C-alpha atoms as a PDB file:
ATOM      1  CA  UNK A   1     -38.366  45.214 -62.682  1.00  0.00           C
ATOM      2  CA  UNK A   2     -37.609  42.072 -61.209  1.00  0.00           C
ATOM      3  CA  UNK A   3     -35.473  39.635 -64.209  1.00  0.00           C
ATOM      4  CA  UNK A   4     -33.213  37.730 -63.205  1.00  0.00           C
ATOM      5  CA  UNK A   5     -32.585  39.140 -59.518  1.00  0.00           C
ATOM      6  CA  UNK A   6     -32.202  42.745 -60.912  1.00  0.00           C
ATOM      7  CA  UNK A   7     -34.378  45.159 -58.909  1.00  0.00           C
ATOM      8  CA  UNK A   8     -35.751  49.082 -59.492  1.00  0.00           C
ATOM      9  CA  UNK A   9     -35.850  51.692 -56.887  1.00  0.00           C
ATOM     10  CA  UNK A  10     -36.144  55.621 -56.776  1.00  0.00           C
ATOM     11  CA  UNK A  11     -33.739  57.833 -55.078  1.00  0.00           C
ATOM     12  CA  UNK A  12     -36.477  59.925 -53.213  1.00  0.00           C
ATOM     13  CA  UNK A  13     -35.189  62.962 -51.360  1.00  0.00           C
ATOM     14  CA  UNK A  14     -32.433  63.112 -48.899  1.00  0.00           C
ATOM     15  CA  UNK A  15     -31.101  60.149 -50.677  1.00  0.00           C
ATOM     16  CA  UNK A  16     -33.547  58.147 -49.260  1.00  0.00           C
ATOM     17  CA  UNK A  17     -33.990  54.877 -50.905  1.00  0.00           C
ATOM     18  CA  UNK A  18     -36.836  51.772 -50.656  1.00  0.00           C
ATOM     19  CA  UNK A  19     -35.605  48.548 -51.047  1.00  0.00           C
ATOM     20  CA  UNK A  20     -38.393  46.807 -53.217  1.00  0.00           C
ATOM     21  CA  UNK A  21     -40.292  44.129 -50.908  1.00  0.00           C
ATOM     22  CA  UNK A  22     -38.647  41.065 -52.935  1.00  0.00           C
ATOM     23  CA  UNK A  23     -35.510  42.031 -52.465  1.00  0.00           C
ATOM     24  CA  UNK A  24     -35.692  42.621 -48.930  1.00  0.00           C
ATOM     25  CA  UNK A  25     -37.402  39.092 -49.049  1.00  0.00           C
ATOM     26  CA  UNK A  26     -34.472  37.637 -50.427  1.00  0.00           C
ATOM     27  CA  UNK A  27     -32.003  38.875 -48.481  1.00  0.00           C
ATOM     28  CA  UNK A  28     -33.927  38.310 -45.229  1.00  0.00           C
ATOM     29  CA  UNK A  29     -33.510  42.407 -44.375  1.00  0.00           C
ATOM     30  CA  UNK A  30     -35.601  43.888 -41.720  1.00  0.00           C
ATOM     31  CA  UNK A  31     -36.007  47.689 -39.940  1.00  0.00           C
ATOM     32  CA  UNK A  32     -32.509  48.213 -39.086  1.00  0.00           C
ATOM     33  CA  UNK A  33     -30.180  46.392 -40.310  1.00  0.00           C
ATOM     34  CA  UNK A  34     -26.995  47.375 -41.072  1.00  0.00           C
ATOM     35  CA  UNK A  35     -25.973  47.585 -45.136  1.00  0.00           C
ATOM     36  CA  UNK A  36     -22.882  47.457 -46.592  1.00  0.00           C
ATOM     37  CA  UNK A  37     -21.875  49.507 -49.957  1.00  0.00           C
ATOM     38  CA  UNK A  38     -18.938  49.093 -52.112  1.00  0.00           C
ATOM     39  CA  UNK A  39     -17.539  48.885 -55.755  1.00  0.00           C
ATOM     40  CA  UNK A  40     -16.128  45.706 -56.042  1.00  0.00           C
ATOM     41  CA  UNK A  41     -13.172  45.165 -59.144  1.00  0.00           C
ATOM     42  CA  UNK A  42     -15.703  45.191 -61.610  1.00  0.00           C
ATOM     43  CA  UNK A  43     -16.235  48.539 -60.900  1.00  0.00           C
ATOM     44  CA  UNK A  44     -20.034  47.349 -59.796  1.00  0.00           C
ATOM     45  CA  UNK A  45     -22.246  48.603 -56.887  1.00  0.00           C
ATOM     46  CA  UNK A  46     -22.104  46.028 -54.141  1.00  0.00           C
ATOM     47  CA  UNK A  47     -25.009  45.759 -51.595  1.00  0.00           C
ATOM     48  CA  UNK A  48     -24.523  43.337 -48.769  1.00  0.00           C
ATOM     49  CA  UNK A  49     -26.242  43.038 -45.132  1.00  0.00           C
ATOM     50  CA  UNK A  50     -23.776  43.549 -42.499  1.00  0.00           C
ATOM     51  CA  UNK A  51     -24.292  41.511 -39.467  1.00  0.00           C
ATOM     52  CA  UNK A  52     -23.048  44.079 -35.982  1.00  0.00           C
ATOM     53  CA  UNK A  53     -22.638  42.909 -32.703  1.00  0.00           C
ATOM     54  CA  UNK A  54     -22.286  44.939 -29.839  1.00  0.00           C
ATOM     55  CA  UNK A  55     -18.980  45.059 -28.281  1.00  0.00           C
ATOM     56  CA  UNK A  56     -20.875  43.827 -24.423  1.00  0.00           C
ATOM     57  CA  UNK A  57     -22.074  40.798 -26.428  1.00  0.00           C
ATOM     58  CA  UNK A  58     -19.261  39.942 -28.491  1.00  0.00           C
ATOM     59  CA  UNK A  59     -17.999  37.543 -26.008  1.00  0.00           C
ATOM     60  CA  UNK A  60     -20.922  35.083 -26.763  1.00  0.00           C
ATOM     61  CA  UNK A  61     -19.891  34.950 -30.303  1.00  0.00           C
ATOM     62  CA  UNK A  62     -15.947  33.636 -29.510  1.00  0.00           C
ATOM     63  CA  UNK A  63     -15.645  30.180 -31.140  1.00  0.00           C
ATOM     64  CA  UNK A  64     -14.661  29.275 -27.776  1.00  0.00           C
ATOM     65  CA  UNK A  65     -17.755  30.487 -26.034  1.00  0.00           C
ATOM     66  CA  UNK A  66     -19.429  29.059 -29.097  1.00  0.00           C
ATOM     67  CA  UNK A  67     -17.969  25.824 -28.357  1.00  0.00           C
ATOM     68  CA  UNK A  68     -19.513  25.638 -24.539  1.00  0.00           C
ATOM     69  CA  UNK A  69     -22.731  26.022 -26.132  1.00  0.00           C
ATOM     70  CA  UNK A  70     -22.649  23.365 -28.365  1.00  0.00           C
ATOM     71  CA  UNK A  71     -21.502  21.226 -25.874  1.00  0.00           C
ATOM     72  CA  UNK A  72     -24.646  22.218 -23.222  1.00  0.00           C
ATOM     73  CA  UNK A  73     -27.194  21.740 -25.886  1.00  0.00           C
ATOM     74  CA  UNK A  74     -26.105  18.489 -26.222  1.00  0.00           C
ATOM     75  CA  UNK A  75     -26.211  17.590 -22.713  1.00  0.00           C
ATOM     76  CA  UNK A  76     -29.786  19.041 -22.310  1.00  0.00           C
ATOM     77  CA  UNK A  77     -30.710  16.953 -25.670  1.00  0.00           C
ATOM     78  CA  UNK A  78     -29.122  13.830 -24.281  1.00  0.00           C
ATOM     79  CA  UNK A  79     -30.135  14.444 -20.919  1.00  0.00           C
ATOM     80  CA  UNK A  80     -26.998  14.785 -18.957  1.00  0.00           C
ATOM     81  CA  UNK A  81     -28.512  16.411 -16.907  1.00  0.00           C
ATOM     82  CA  UNK A  82     -29.344  17.639 -12.888  1.00  0.00           C
ATOM     83  CA  UNK A  83     -32.161  19.573 -11.971  1.00  0.00           C
ATOM     84  CA  UNK A  84     -32.813  21.186  -8.831  1.00  0.00           C
ATOM     85  CA  UNK A  85     -35.635  22.717  -6.364  1.00  0.00           C
ATOM     86  CA  UNK A  86     -34.140  25.623  -5.788  1.00  0.00           C
ATOM     87  CA  UNK A  87     -30.551  27.509  -5.825  1.00  0.00           C
ATOM     88  CA  UNK A  88     -29.587  26.828  -2.277  1.00  0.00           C
ATOM     89  CA  UNK A  89     -29.561  22.892  -3.756  1.00  0.00           C
ATOM     90  CA  UNK A  90     -27.380  23.509  -6.589  1.00  0.00           C
ATOM     91  CA  UNK A  91     -24.822  25.142  -3.868  1.00  0.00           C
ATOM     92  CA  UNK A  92     -24.925  22.449  -1.466  1.00  0.00           C
ATOM     93  CA  UNK A  93     -24.375  20.074  -4.419  1.00  0.00           C
ATOM     94  CA  UNK A  94     -21.590  21.722  -5.922  1.00  0.00           C
ATOM     95  CA  UNK A  95     -19.395  22.183  -2.371  1.00  0.00           C
ATOM     96  CA  UNK A  96     -19.991  18.572  -1.784  1.00  0.00           C
ATOM     97  CA  UNK A  97     -18.410  17.566  -5.680  1.00  0.00           C
ATOM     98  CA  UNK A  98     -15.013  19.689  -4.270  1.00  0.00           C
END
């Protein structure tokens, strides 16, 4: 029944629903993904993927941290970095700078 973005599925025992493969692919869904269902203002049922971030990983997605990630990636791409043979060498270099 895939017509103009329409998909069909059958409700199974215990309320289980298998989303059609074409729909899963279109939404880039994989096993374990979270989905949200709600009714919009026109009383239509809406299904949308929900991206959940565990509390212990939330810091990584803050704007500040993402900005630092972009800066670090730019430094890597432009060769603006120093390589050390070991940790001790890196620490010595940091201590010389202070």
